[in-house]
Amino acid sequence: MSEQPETEFPRSIGKVAARELAAHGYTTFDSLTEVSAKTLLSIHGVGPKSVRILGEELAAQGKAYAAD
């Protein structure tokens, strides 16, 4: 059984999304500020729910995704 990769992200985004984000080099919330939500949605396994959850957490930290 594979474990969730080492990321700062909450488990609620799902194992597949966490794995795919990590595979693309996104493992911290700071790394997400360098990419747009649209780009994240283009990654297989990363869906609207994951992007929404991560966006809400970014906003709580006073951060945001990069502009499209």
PDB file of N, CA and C in Angstrom:
ATOM      1  N   MET A   1       0.834  -1.194   0.000  1.00  0.00           N
ATOM      2  CA  MET A   1       0.000   0.000   0.000  1.00  0.00           C
ATOM      3  C   MET A   1       0.870   1.246   0.000  1.00  0.00           C
ATOM      4  N   SER A   2       0.573   2.191  -0.876  1.00  0.00           N
ATOM      5  CA  SER A   2       1.376   3.400  -0.917  1.00  0.00           C
ATOM      6  C   SER A   2       0.873   4.403   0.109  1.00  0.00           C
ATOM      7  N   GLU A   3       1.824   5.119   0.676  1.00  0.00           N
ATOM      8  CA  GLU A   3       1.482   6.137   1.656  1.00  0.00           C
ATOM      9  C   GLU A   3       1.357   7.477   0.962  1.00  0.00           C
ATOM     10  N   GLN A   4       0.690   8.410   1.639  1.00  0.00           N
ATOM     11  CA  GLN A   4       0.575   9.751   1.095  1.00  0.00           C
ATOM     12  C   GLN A   4       1.961  10.399   1.116  1.00  0.00           C
ATOM     13  N   PRO A   5       2.353  11.073   0.033  1.00  0.00           N
ATOM     14  CA  PRO A   5       3.673  11.690  -0.014  1.00  0.00           C
ATOM     15  C   PRO A   5       3.821  12.798   1.020  1.00  0.00           C
ATOM     16  N   GLU A   6       5.062  13.151   1.298  1.00  0.00           N
ATOM     17  CA  GLU A   6       5.354  14.210   2.259  1.00  0.00           C
ATOM     18  C   GLU A   6       4.981  15.561   1.667  1.00  0.00           C
ATOM     19  N   THR A   7       3.868  16.109   2.120  1.00  0.00           N
ATOM     20  CA  THR A   7       3.446  17.450   1.711  1.00  0.00           C
ATOM     21  C   THR A   7       2.860  18.149   2.929  1.00  0.00           C
ATOM     22  N   GLU A   8       2.652  19.438   2.805  1.00  0.00           N
ATOM     23  CA  GLU A   8       1.990  20.214   3.859  1.00  0.00           C
ATOM     24  C   GLU A   8       0.473  20.124   3.736  1.00  0.00           C
ATOM     25  N   PHE A   9      -0.015  19.510   2.681  1.00  0.00           N
ATOM     26  CA  PHE A   9      -1.421  19.579   2.347  1.00  0.00           C
ATOM     27  C   PHE A   9      -2.278  18.669   3.228  1.00  0.00           C
ATOM     28  N   PRO A  10      -3.517  19.098   3.473  1.00  0.00           N
ATOM     29  CA  PRO A  10      -4.424  18.269   4.286  1.00  0.00           C
ATOM     30  C   PRO A  10      -4.808  16.981   3.568  1.00  0.00           C
ATOM     31  N   ARG A  11      -5.070  15.946   4.330  1.00  0.00           N
ATOM     32  CA  ARG A  11      -5.478  14.660   3.766  1.00  0.00           C
ATOM     33  C   ARG A  11      -6.774  14.770   2.970  1.00  0.00           C
ATOM     34  N   SER A  12      -7.574  15.788   3.277  1.00  0.00           N
ATOM     35  CA  SER A  12      -8.866  15.929   2.613  1.00  0.00           C
ATOM     36  C   SER A  12      -8.756  16.179   1.112  1.00  0.00           C
ATOM     37  N   ILE A  13      -7.558  16.502   0.597  1.00  0.00           N
ATOM     38  CA  ILE A  13      -7.435  16.666  -0.859  1.00  0.00           C
ATOM     39  C   ILE A  13      -7.351  15.318  -1.562  1.00  0.00           C
ATOM     40  N   GLY A  14      -7.069  14.265  -0.805  1.00  0.00           N
ATOM     41  CA  GLY A  14      -7.016  12.917  -1.369  1.00  0.00           C
ATOM     42  C   GLY A  14      -5.600  12.475  -1.696  1.00  0.00           C
ATOM     43  N   LYS A  15      -5.399  11.181  -1.649  1.00  0.00           N
ATOM     44  CA  LYS A  15      -4.075  10.608  -1.881  1.00  0.00           C
ATOM     45  C   LYS A  15      -3.585  10.819  -3.306  1.00  0.00           C
ATOM     46  N   VAL A  16      -4.475  10.641  -4.271  1.00  0.00           N
ATOM     47  CA  VAL A  16      -4.075  10.786  -5.673  1.00  0.00           C
ATOM     48  C   VAL A  16      -3.644  12.223  -5.947  1.00  0.00           C
ATOM     49  N   ALA A  17      -4.439  13.188  -5.495  1.00  0.00           N
ATOM     50  CA  ALA A  17      -4.095  14.590  -5.718  1.00  0.00           C
ATOM     51  C   ALA A  17      -2.769  14.927  -5.043  1.00  0.00           C
ATOM     52  N   ALA A  18      -2.581  14.489  -3.803  1.00  0.00           N
ATOM     53  CA  ALA A  18      -1.328  14.769  -3.086  1.00  0.00           C
ATOM     54  C   ALA A  18      -0.144  14.153  -3.817  1.00  0.00           C
ATOM     55  N   ARG A  19      -0.313  12.926  -4.288  1.00  0.00           N
ATOM     56  CA  ARG A  19       0.770  12.242  -5.001  1.00  0.00           C
ATOM     57  C   ARG A  19       1.110  12.956  -6.308  1.00  0.00           C
ATOM     58  N   GLU A  20       0.100  13.337  -7.056  1.00  0.00           N
ATOM     59  CA  GLU A  20       0.330  14.004  -8.334  1.00  0.00           C
ATOM     60  C   GLU A  20       0.923  15.402  -8.143  1.00  0.00           C
ATOM     61  N   LEU A  21       0.463  16.121  -7.142  1.00  0.00           N
ATOM     62  CA  LEU A  21       1.054  17.437  -6.869  1.00  0.00           C
ATOM     63  C   LEU A  21       2.532  17.286  -6.517  1.00  0.00           C
ATOM     64  N   ALA A  22       2.836  16.329  -5.648  1.00  0.00           N
ATOM     65  CA  ALA A  22       4.231  16.089  -5.266  1.00  0.00           C
ATOM     66  C   ALA A  22       5.073  15.686  -6.473  1.00  0.00           C
ATOM     67  N   ALA A  23       4.510  14.869  -7.353  1.00  0.00           N
ATOM     68  CA  ALA A  23       5.233  14.435  -8.548  1.00  0.00           C
ATOM     69  C   ALA A  23       5.559  15.611  -9.470  1.00  0.00           C
ATOM     70  N   HIS A  24       4.750  16.660  -9.394  1.00  0.00           N
ATOM     71  CA  HIS A  24       4.986  17.857 -10.201  1.00  0.00           C
ATOM     72  C   HIS A  24       5.775  18.917  -9.434  1.00  0.00           C
ATOM     73  N   GLY A  25       6.233  18.571  -8.232  1.00  0.00           N
ATOM     74  CA  GLY A  25       7.080  19.483  -7.464  1.00  0.00           C
ATOM     75  C   GLY A  25       6.358  20.403  -6.510  1.00  0.00           C
ATOM     76  N   TYR A  26       5.074  20.184  -6.327  1.00  0.00           N
ATOM     77  CA  TYR A  26       4.294  21.020  -5.411  1.00  0.00           C
ATOM     78  C   TYR A  26       4.085  20.279  -4.093  1.00  0.00           C
ATOM     79  N   THR A  27       4.839  20.665  -3.071  1.00  0.00           N
ATOM     80  CA  THR A  27       4.738  19.976  -1.781  1.00  0.00           C
ATOM     81  C   THR A  27       4.466  20.933  -0.623  1.00  0.00           C
ATOM     82  N   THR A  28       4.533  22.238  -0.893  1.00  0.00           N
ATOM     83  CA  THR A  28       4.283  23.233   0.154  1.00  0.00           C
ATOM     84  C   THR A  28       3.258  24.244  -0.345  1.00  0.00           C
ATOM     85  N   PHE A  29       2.651  24.952   0.585  1.00  0.00           N
ATOM     86  CA  PHE A  29       1.711  25.995   0.179  1.00  0.00           C
ATOM     87  C   PHE A  29       2.436  27.110  -0.565  1.00  0.00           C
ATOM     88  N   ASP A  30       3.669  27.416  -0.167  1.00  0.00           N
ATOM     89  CA  ASP A  30       4.440  28.430  -0.888  1.00  0.00           C
ATOM     90  C   ASP A  30       4.629  28.039  -2.351  1.00  0.00           C
ATOM     91  N   SER A  31       4.834  26.753  -2.619  1.00  0.00           N
ATOM     92  CA  SER A  31       5.027  26.319  -4.007  1.00  0.00           C
ATOM     93  C   SER A  31       3.748  26.515  -4.824  1.00  0.00           C
ATOM     94  N   LEU A  32       2.602  26.486  -4.177  1.00  0.00           N
ATOM     95  CA  LEU A  32       1.344  26.681  -4.899  1.00  0.00           C
ATOM     96  C   LEU A  32       1.132  28.134  -5.313  1.00  0.00           C
ATOM     97  N   THR A  33       1.838  29.072  -4.665  1.00  0.00           N
ATOM     98  CA  THR A  33       1.685  30.487  -5.027  1.00  0.00           C
ATOM     99  C   THR A  33       2.363  30.788  -6.355  1.00  0.00           C
ATOM    100  N   GLU A  34       3.138  29.837  -6.868  1.00  0.00           N
ATOM    101  CA  GLU A  34       3.854  30.018  -8.129  1.00  0.00           C
ATOM    102  C   GLU A  34       3.108  29.416  -9.316  1.00  0.00           C
ATOM    103  N   VAL A  35       1.913  28.890  -9.071  1.00  0.00           N
ATOM    104  CA  VAL A  35       1.149  28.209 -10.127  1.00  0.00           C
ATOM    105  C   VAL A  35      -0.311  28.650 -10.043  1.00  0.00           C
ATOM    106  N   SER A  36      -0.975  28.648 -11.188  1.00  0.00           N
ATOM    107  CA  SER A  36      -2.391  29.038 -11.199  1.00  0.00           C
ATOM    108  C   SER A  36      -3.279  27.836 -10.906  1.00  0.00           C
ATOM    109  N   ALA A  37      -4.483  28.128 -10.455  1.00  0.00           N
ATOM    110  CA  ALA A  37      -5.463  27.067 -10.215  1.00  0.00           C
ATOM    111  C   ALA A  37      -5.755  26.324 -11.517  1.00  0.00           C
ATOM    112  N   LYS A  38      -5.790  27.052 -12.624  1.00  0.00           N
ATOM    113  CA  LYS A  38      -6.051  26.440 -13.929  1.00  0.00           C
ATOM    114  C   LYS A  38      -4.979  25.406 -14.268  1.00  0.00           C
ATOM    115  N   THR A  39      -3.727  25.737 -13.986  1.00  0.00           N
ATOM    116  CA  THR A  39      -2.631  24.803 -14.243  1.00  0.00           C
ATOM    117  C   THR A  39      -2.760  23.571 -13.367  1.00  0.00           C
ATOM    118  N   LEU A  40      -3.108  23.762 -12.101  1.00  0.00           N
ATOM    119  CA  LEU A  40      -3.276  22.618 -11.201  1.00  0.00           C
ATOM    120  C   LEU A  40      -4.388  21.705 -11.692  1.00  0.00           C
ATOM    121  N   LEU A  41      -5.461  22.295 -12.188  1.00  0.00           N
ATOM    122  CA  LEU A  41      -6.579  21.496 -12.682  1.00  0.00           C
ATOM    123  C   LEU A  41      -6.199  20.680 -13.918  1.00  0.00           C
ATOM    124  N   SER A  42      -5.156  21.087 -14.606  1.00  0.00           N
ATOM    125  CA  SER A  42      -4.721  20.349 -15.787  1.00  0.00           C
ATOM    126  C   SER A  42      -3.901  19.109 -15.423  1.00  0.00           C
ATOM    127  N   ILE A  43      -3.540  18.973 -14.145  1.00  0.00           N
ATOM    128  CA  ILE A  43      -2.778  17.806 -13.690  1.00  0.00           C
ATOM    129  C   ILE A  43      -3.751  16.656 -13.445  1.00  0.00           C
ATOM    130  N   HIS A  44      -3.503  15.528 -14.112  1.00  0.00           N
ATOM    131  CA  HIS A  44      -4.357  14.362 -13.934  1.00  0.00           C
ATOM    132  C   HIS A  44      -4.409  13.984 -12.451  1.00  0.00           C
ATOM    133  N   GLY A  45      -5.616  13.819 -11.917  1.00  0.00           N
ATOM    134  CA  GLY A  45      -5.790  13.423 -10.523  1.00  0.00           C
ATOM    135  C   GLY A  45      -6.034  14.575  -9.574  1.00  0.00           C
ATOM    136  N   VAL A  46      -5.906  15.803 -10.078  1.00  0.00           N
ATOM    137  CA  VAL A  46      -6.161  16.990  -9.258  1.00  0.00           C
ATOM    138  C   VAL A  46      -7.447  17.618  -9.765  1.00  0.00           C
ATOM    139  N   GLY A  47      -8.477  17.595  -8.925  1.00  0.00           N
ATOM    140  CA  GLY A  47      -9.778  18.080  -9.350  1.00  0.00           C
ATOM    141  C   GLY A  47     -10.205  19.348  -8.648  1.00  0.00           C
ATOM    142  N   PRO A  48     -11.386  19.832  -8.996  1.00  0.00           N
ATOM    143  CA  PRO A  48     -11.900  21.080  -8.427  1.00  0.00           C
ATOM    144  C   PRO A  48     -11.976  21.080  -6.904  1.00  0.00           C
ATOM    145  N   LYS A  49     -12.339  19.957  -6.314  1.00  0.00           N
ATOM    146  CA  LYS A  49     -12.442  19.910  -4.851  1.00  0.00           C
ATOM    147  C   LYS A  49     -11.076  20.134  -4.211  1.00  0.00           C
ATOM    148  N   SER A  50     -10.053  19.477  -4.722  1.00  0.00           N
ATOM    149  CA  SER A  50      -8.703  19.639  -4.172  1.00  0.00           C
ATOM    150  C   SER A  50      -8.216  21.071  -4.336  1.00  0.00           C
ATOM    151  N   VAL A  51      -8.449  21.636  -5.512  1.00  0.00           N
ATOM    152  CA  VAL A  51      -8.018  23.011  -5.776  1.00  0.00           C
ATOM    153  C   VAL A  51      -8.754  23.980  -4.854  1.00  0.00           C
ATOM    154  N   ARG A  52     -10.044  23.731  -4.618  1.00  0.00           N
ATOM    155  CA  ARG A  52     -10.822  24.589  -3.719  1.00  0.00           C
ATOM    156  C   ARG A  52     -10.287  24.510  -2.294  1.00  0.00           C
ATOM    157  N   ILE A  53     -10.062  23.294  -1.796  1.00  0.00           N
ATOM    158  CA  ILE A  53      -9.561  23.100  -0.429  1.00  0.00           C
ATOM    159  C   ILE A  53      -8.202  23.784  -0.262  1.00  0.00           C
ATOM    160  N   LEU A  54      -7.315  23.570  -1.229  1.00  0.00           N
ATOM    161  CA  LEU A  54      -5.989  24.184  -1.149  1.00  0.00           C
ATOM    162  C   LEU A  54      -6.083  25.705  -1.251  1.00  0.00           C
ATOM    163  N   GLY A  55      -6.973  26.197  -2.099  1.00  0.00           N
ATOM    164  CA  GLY A  55      -7.167  27.642  -2.233  1.00  0.00           C
ATOM    165  C   GLY A  55      -7.682  28.272  -0.954  1.00  0.00           C
ATOM    166  N   GLU A  56      -8.578  27.579  -0.269  1.00  0.00           N
ATOM    167  CA  GLU A  56      -9.094  28.084   1.002  1.00  0.00           C
ATOM    168  C   GLU A  56      -7.981  28.150   2.047  1.00  0.00           C
ATOM    169  N   GLU A  57      -7.127  27.149   2.075  1.00  0.00           N
ATOM    170  CA  GLU A  57      -6.015  27.141   3.015  1.00  0.00           C
ATOM    171  C   GLU A  57      -5.007  28.233   2.671  1.00  0.00           C
ATOM    172  N   LEU A  58      -4.741  28.421   1.394  1.00  0.00           N
ATOM    173  CA  LEU A  58      -3.859  29.518   0.977  1.00  0.00           C
ATOM    174  C   LEU A  58      -4.413  30.857   1.462  1.00  0.00           C
ATOM    175  N   ALA A  59      -5.707  31.074   1.247  1.00  0.00           N
ATOM    176  CA  ALA A  59      -6.341  32.327   1.658  1.00  0.00           C
ATOM    177  C   ALA A  59      -6.238  32.527   3.170  1.00  0.00           C
ATOM    178  N   ALA A  60      -6.394  31.448   3.933  1.00  0.00           N
ATOM    179  CA  ALA A  60      -6.287  31.539   5.391  1.00  0.00           C
ATOM    180  C   ALA A  60      -4.880  31.953   5.820  1.00  0.00           C
ATOM    181  N   GLN A  61      -3.897  31.650   4.963  1.00  0.00           N
ATOM    182  CA  GLN A  61      -2.513  32.020   5.237  1.00  0.00           C
ATOM    183  C   GLN A  61      -2.147  33.372   4.608  1.00  0.00           C
ATOM    184  N   GLY A  62      -3.129  34.032   3.992  1.00  0.00           N
ATOM    185  CA  GLY A  62      -2.882  35.313   3.341  1.00  0.00           C
ATOM    186  C   GLY A  62      -2.152  35.170   2.016  1.00  0.00           C
ATOM    187  N   LYS A  63      -2.301  34.021   1.392  1.00  0.00           N
ATOM    188  CA  LYS A  63      -1.630  33.725   0.117  1.00  0.00           C
ATOM    189  C   LYS A  63      -2.686  33.399  -0.930  1.00  0.00           C
ATOM    190  N   ALA A  64      -2.239  33.249  -2.172  1.00  0.00           N
ATOM    191  CA  ALA A  64      -3.153  32.893  -3.260  1.00  0.00           C
ATOM    192  C   ALA A  64      -2.379  32.199  -4.363  1.00  0.00           C
ATOM    193  N   TYR A  65      -3.128  31.520  -5.237  1.00  0.00           N
ATOM    194  CA  TYR A  65      -2.530  30.953  -6.435  1.00  0.00           C
ATOM    195  C   TYR A  65      -2.010  32.095  -7.307  1.00  0.00           C
ATOM    196  N   ALA A  66      -1.086  31.785  -8.193  1.00  0.00           N
ATOM    197  CA  ALA A  66      -0.618  32.755  -9.178  1.00  0.00           C
ATOM    198  C   ALA A  66      -1.759  33.066 -10.139  1.00  0.00           C
ATOM    199  N   ALA A  67      -1.710  34.229 -10.737  1.00  0.00           N
ATOM    200  CA  ALA A  67      -2.724  34.593 -11.741  1.00  0.00           C
ATOM    201  C   ALA A  67      -2.527  33.729 -12.984  1.00  0.00           C
ATOM    202  N   ASP A  68      -3.626  33.494 -13.701  1.00  0.00           N
ATOM    203  CA  ASP A  68      -3.571  32.693 -14.935  1.00  0.00           C
ATOM    204  C   ASP A  68      -2.673  33.311 -15.971  1.00  0.00           C
TER     205      ASP A  68
END
